[in-house]
Amino acid sequence: MVDVARTRFPDNMSRSLPSESLPWESAATEVVDRLKKYARDEPIAFGAWAFGIGFLLGWRLKPW
């Protein structure tokens, strides 16, 4: 039986991520930063939106 924990891939088979960021990473970071700013500036409206979206998703995705 092969001991999987001790098996190593050859160096030419292992890949690493490039040093540059992924193309969509800056857009995702921008969206998250804007959502955080909106949540700080308008906490009641943000809470209402979060509750409404959660309610609709929970209602449509209920397991029964």
N, C-alpha and C. Protein backbone atom coordinates (compact mmCIF):
# COMPACT_ATOMS: atom_id res chain seq x y z
N MET A 1 0.84 -1.18 0.00
CA MET A 1 0.00 0.00 0.00
C MET A 1 0.89 1.25 0.00
N VAL A 2 0.49 2.27 -0.72
CA VAL A 2 1.28 3.49 -0.84
C VAL A 2 0.95 4.40 0.34
N ASP A 3 1.99 4.90 0.98
CA ASP A 3 1.81 5.85 2.07
C ASP A 3 1.62 7.24 1.47
N VAL A 4 0.39 7.71 1.44
CA VAL A 4 0.07 8.95 0.75
C VAL A 4 0.70 10.15 1.47
N ALA A 5 0.79 10.10 2.77
CA ALA A 5 1.33 11.24 3.51
C ALA A 5 2.81 11.45 3.20
N ARG A 6 3.53 10.42 2.84
CA ARG A 6 4.96 10.56 2.57
C ARG A 6 5.26 10.71 1.09
N THR A 7 4.27 10.53 0.23
CA THR A 7 4.49 10.65 -1.20
C THR A 7 4.62 12.12 -1.56
N ARG A 8 5.65 12.43 -2.34
CA ARG A 8 5.87 13.81 -2.78
C ARG A 8 5.74 13.87 -4.29
N PHE A 9 5.18 14.95 -4.78
CA PHE A 9 5.10 15.16 -6.21
C PHE A 9 6.47 15.61 -6.72
N PRO A 10 6.81 15.25 -7.94
CA PRO A 10 8.04 15.78 -8.51
C PRO A 10 7.98 17.30 -8.62
N ASP A 11 9.12 17.95 -8.57
CA ASP A 11 9.15 19.41 -8.58
C ASP A 11 8.52 20.00 -9.84
N ASN A 12 8.67 19.32 -10.97
CA ASN A 12 8.10 19.89 -12.19
C ASN A 12 6.59 19.71 -12.26
N MET A 13 5.99 18.94 -11.36
CA MET A 13 4.54 18.77 -11.35
C MET A 13 3.85 19.73 -10.39
N SER A 14 4.58 20.29 -9.47
CA SER A 14 3.94 21.21 -8.52
C SER A 14 3.86 22.60 -9.14
N ARG A 15 2.74 23.29 -8.88
CA ARG A 15 2.53 24.61 -9.44
C ARG A 15 2.28 25.57 -8.29
N SER A 16 2.70 26.78 -8.49
CA SER A 16 2.42 27.81 -7.50
C SER A 16 1.70 28.95 -8.21
N LEU A 17 1.01 29.74 -7.43
CA LEU A 17 0.31 30.89 -8.00
C LEU A 17 1.31 31.94 -8.44
N PRO A 18 1.02 32.64 -9.50
CA PRO A 18 1.93 33.72 -9.90
C PRO A 18 1.94 34.83 -8.86
N SER A 19 2.99 35.60 -8.86
CA SER A 19 3.13 36.64 -7.84
C SER A 19 2.11 37.76 -8.04
N GLU A 20 1.63 37.96 -9.26
CA GLU A 20 0.64 39.00 -9.49
C GLU A 20 -0.74 38.51 -9.02
N SER A 21 -1.61 39.44 -8.74
CA SER A 21 -2.93 39.09 -8.23
C SER A 21 -3.82 38.60 -9.38
N LEU A 22 -4.88 37.93 -9.03
CA LEU A 22 -5.83 37.44 -10.03
C LEU A 22 -6.61 38.61 -10.60
N PRO A 23 -7.11 38.51 -11.83
CA PRO A 23 -7.77 39.66 -12.46
C PRO A 23 -9.03 40.13 -11.74
N TRP A 24 -9.77 39.24 -11.13
CA TRP A 24 -11.01 39.63 -10.46
C TRP A 24 -10.80 39.99 -9.01
N GLU A 25 -9.58 39.83 -8.50
CA GLU A 25 -9.33 40.06 -7.08
C GLU A 25 -9.54 41.53 -6.69
N SER A 26 -9.09 42.45 -7.51
CA SER A 26 -9.26 43.87 -7.18
C SER A 26 -10.73 44.27 -7.22
N ALA A 27 -11.50 43.71 -8.15
CA ALA A 27 -12.93 44.03 -8.21
C ALA A 27 -13.66 43.49 -6.98
N ALA A 28 -13.32 42.29 -6.56
CA ALA A 28 -13.97 41.71 -5.38
C ALA A 28 -13.61 42.51 -4.13
N THR A 29 -12.36 42.93 -4.02
CA THR A 29 -11.93 43.73 -2.88
C THR A 29 -12.66 45.06 -2.87
N GLU A 30 -12.83 45.66 -4.04
CA GLU A 30 -13.55 46.92 -4.14
C GLU A 30 -15.00 46.78 -3.68
N VAL A 31 -15.66 45.71 -4.08
CA VAL A 31 -17.06 45.49 -3.69
C VAL A 31 -17.17 45.30 -2.18
N VAL A 32 -16.27 44.52 -1.61
CA VAL A 32 -16.30 44.28 -0.17
C VAL A 32 -16.03 45.58 0.60
N ASP A 33 -15.08 46.38 0.13
CA ASP A 33 -14.79 47.66 0.79
C ASP A 33 -15.99 48.60 0.74
N ARG A 34 -16.67 48.63 -0.40
CA ARG A 34 -17.85 49.50 -0.52
C ARG A 34 -18.99 49.01 0.38
N LEU A 35 -19.17 47.69 0.48
CA LEU A 35 -20.21 47.16 1.37
C LEU A 35 -19.90 47.49 2.83
N LYS A 36 -18.63 47.38 3.22
CA LYS A 36 -18.24 47.73 4.59
C LYS A 36 -18.50 49.20 4.88
N LYS A 37 -18.17 50.07 3.92
CA LYS A 37 -18.40 51.51 4.11
C LYS A 37 -19.89 51.80 4.22
N TYR A 38 -20.69 51.16 3.37
CA TYR A 38 -22.15 51.36 3.43
C TYR A 38 -22.71 50.86 4.76
N ALA A 39 -22.19 49.73 5.25
CA ALA A 39 -22.67 49.20 6.52
C ALA A 39 -22.32 50.13 7.68
N ARG A 40 -21.16 50.79 7.60
CA ARG A 40 -20.78 51.75 8.65
C ARG A 40 -21.62 53.02 8.57
N ASP A 41 -21.87 53.50 7.33
CA ASP A 41 -22.60 54.76 7.16
C ASP A 41 -24.10 54.60 7.38
N GLU A 42 -24.68 53.49 6.94
CA GLU A 42 -26.13 53.26 7.02
C GLU A 42 -26.41 51.90 7.66
N PRO A 43 -26.20 51.76 8.98
CA PRO A 43 -26.35 50.43 9.59
C PRO A 43 -27.79 49.91 9.57
N ILE A 44 -28.78 50.77 9.71
CA ILE A 44 -30.17 50.30 9.73
C ILE A 44 -30.59 49.82 8.35
N ALA A 45 -30.27 50.58 7.33
CA ALA A 45 -30.62 50.18 5.96
C ALA A 45 -29.87 48.90 5.57
N PHE A 46 -28.60 48.82 5.94
CA PHE A 46 -27.83 47.63 5.62
C PHE A 46 -28.41 46.40 6.34
N GLY A 47 -28.80 46.57 7.60
CA GLY A 47 -29.41 45.48 8.34
C GLY A 47 -30.73 45.04 7.73
N ALA A 48 -31.51 46.02 7.27
CA ALA A 48 -32.79 45.68 6.63
C ALA A 48 -32.57 44.91 5.34
N TRP A 49 -31.60 45.34 4.53
CA TRP A 49 -31.28 44.62 3.29
C TRP A 49 -30.78 43.21 3.61
N ALA A 50 -29.91 43.08 4.59
CA ALA A 50 -29.37 41.76 4.95
C ALA A 50 -30.49 40.84 5.44
N PHE A 51 -31.39 41.38 6.27
CA PHE A 51 -32.50 40.58 6.75
C PHE A 51 -33.42 40.16 5.60
N GLY A 52 -33.72 41.10 4.71
CA GLY A 52 -34.61 40.81 3.58
C GLY A 52 -34.02 39.76 2.65
N ILE A 53 -32.76 39.90 2.32
CA ILE A 53 -32.12 38.92 1.44
C ILE A 53 -32.04 37.56 2.14
N GLY A 54 -31.70 37.55 3.41
CA GLY A 54 -31.65 36.30 4.16
C GLY A 54 -33.02 35.64 4.27
N PHE A 55 -34.05 36.45 4.48
CA PHE A 55 -35.41 35.91 4.56
C PHE A 55 -35.83 35.28 3.24
N LEU A 56 -35.59 35.98 2.13
CA LEU A 56 -35.96 35.44 0.82
C LEU A 56 -35.18 34.17 0.48
N LEU A 57 -33.88 34.18 0.73
CA LEU A 57 -33.09 32.98 0.46
C LEU A 57 -33.52 31.82 1.34
N GLY A 58 -33.78 32.09 2.61
CA GLY A 58 -34.23 31.03 3.52
C GLY A 58 -35.58 30.49 3.13
N TRP A 59 -36.46 31.35 2.66
CA TRP A 59 -37.79 30.93 2.25
C TRP A 59 -37.74 30.09 0.98
N ARG A 60 -36.90 30.51 0.02
CA ARG A 60 -36.83 29.78 -1.25
C ARG A 60 -35.99 28.51 -1.16
N LEU A 61 -35.05 28.45 -0.25
CA LEU A 61 -34.15 27.29 -0.14
C LEU A 61 -34.46 26.38 1.02
N LYS A 62 -35.66 26.52 1.59
CA LYS A 62 -35.98 25.67 2.74
C LYS A 62 -35.97 24.19 2.34
N PRO A 63 -35.56 23.32 3.22
CA PRO A 63 -35.36 21.92 2.86
C PRO A 63 -36.64 21.12 2.69
N TRP A 64 -37.78 21.61 3.09
CA TRP A 64 -38.99 20.79 2.95
C TRP A 64 -39.88 21.29 1.86
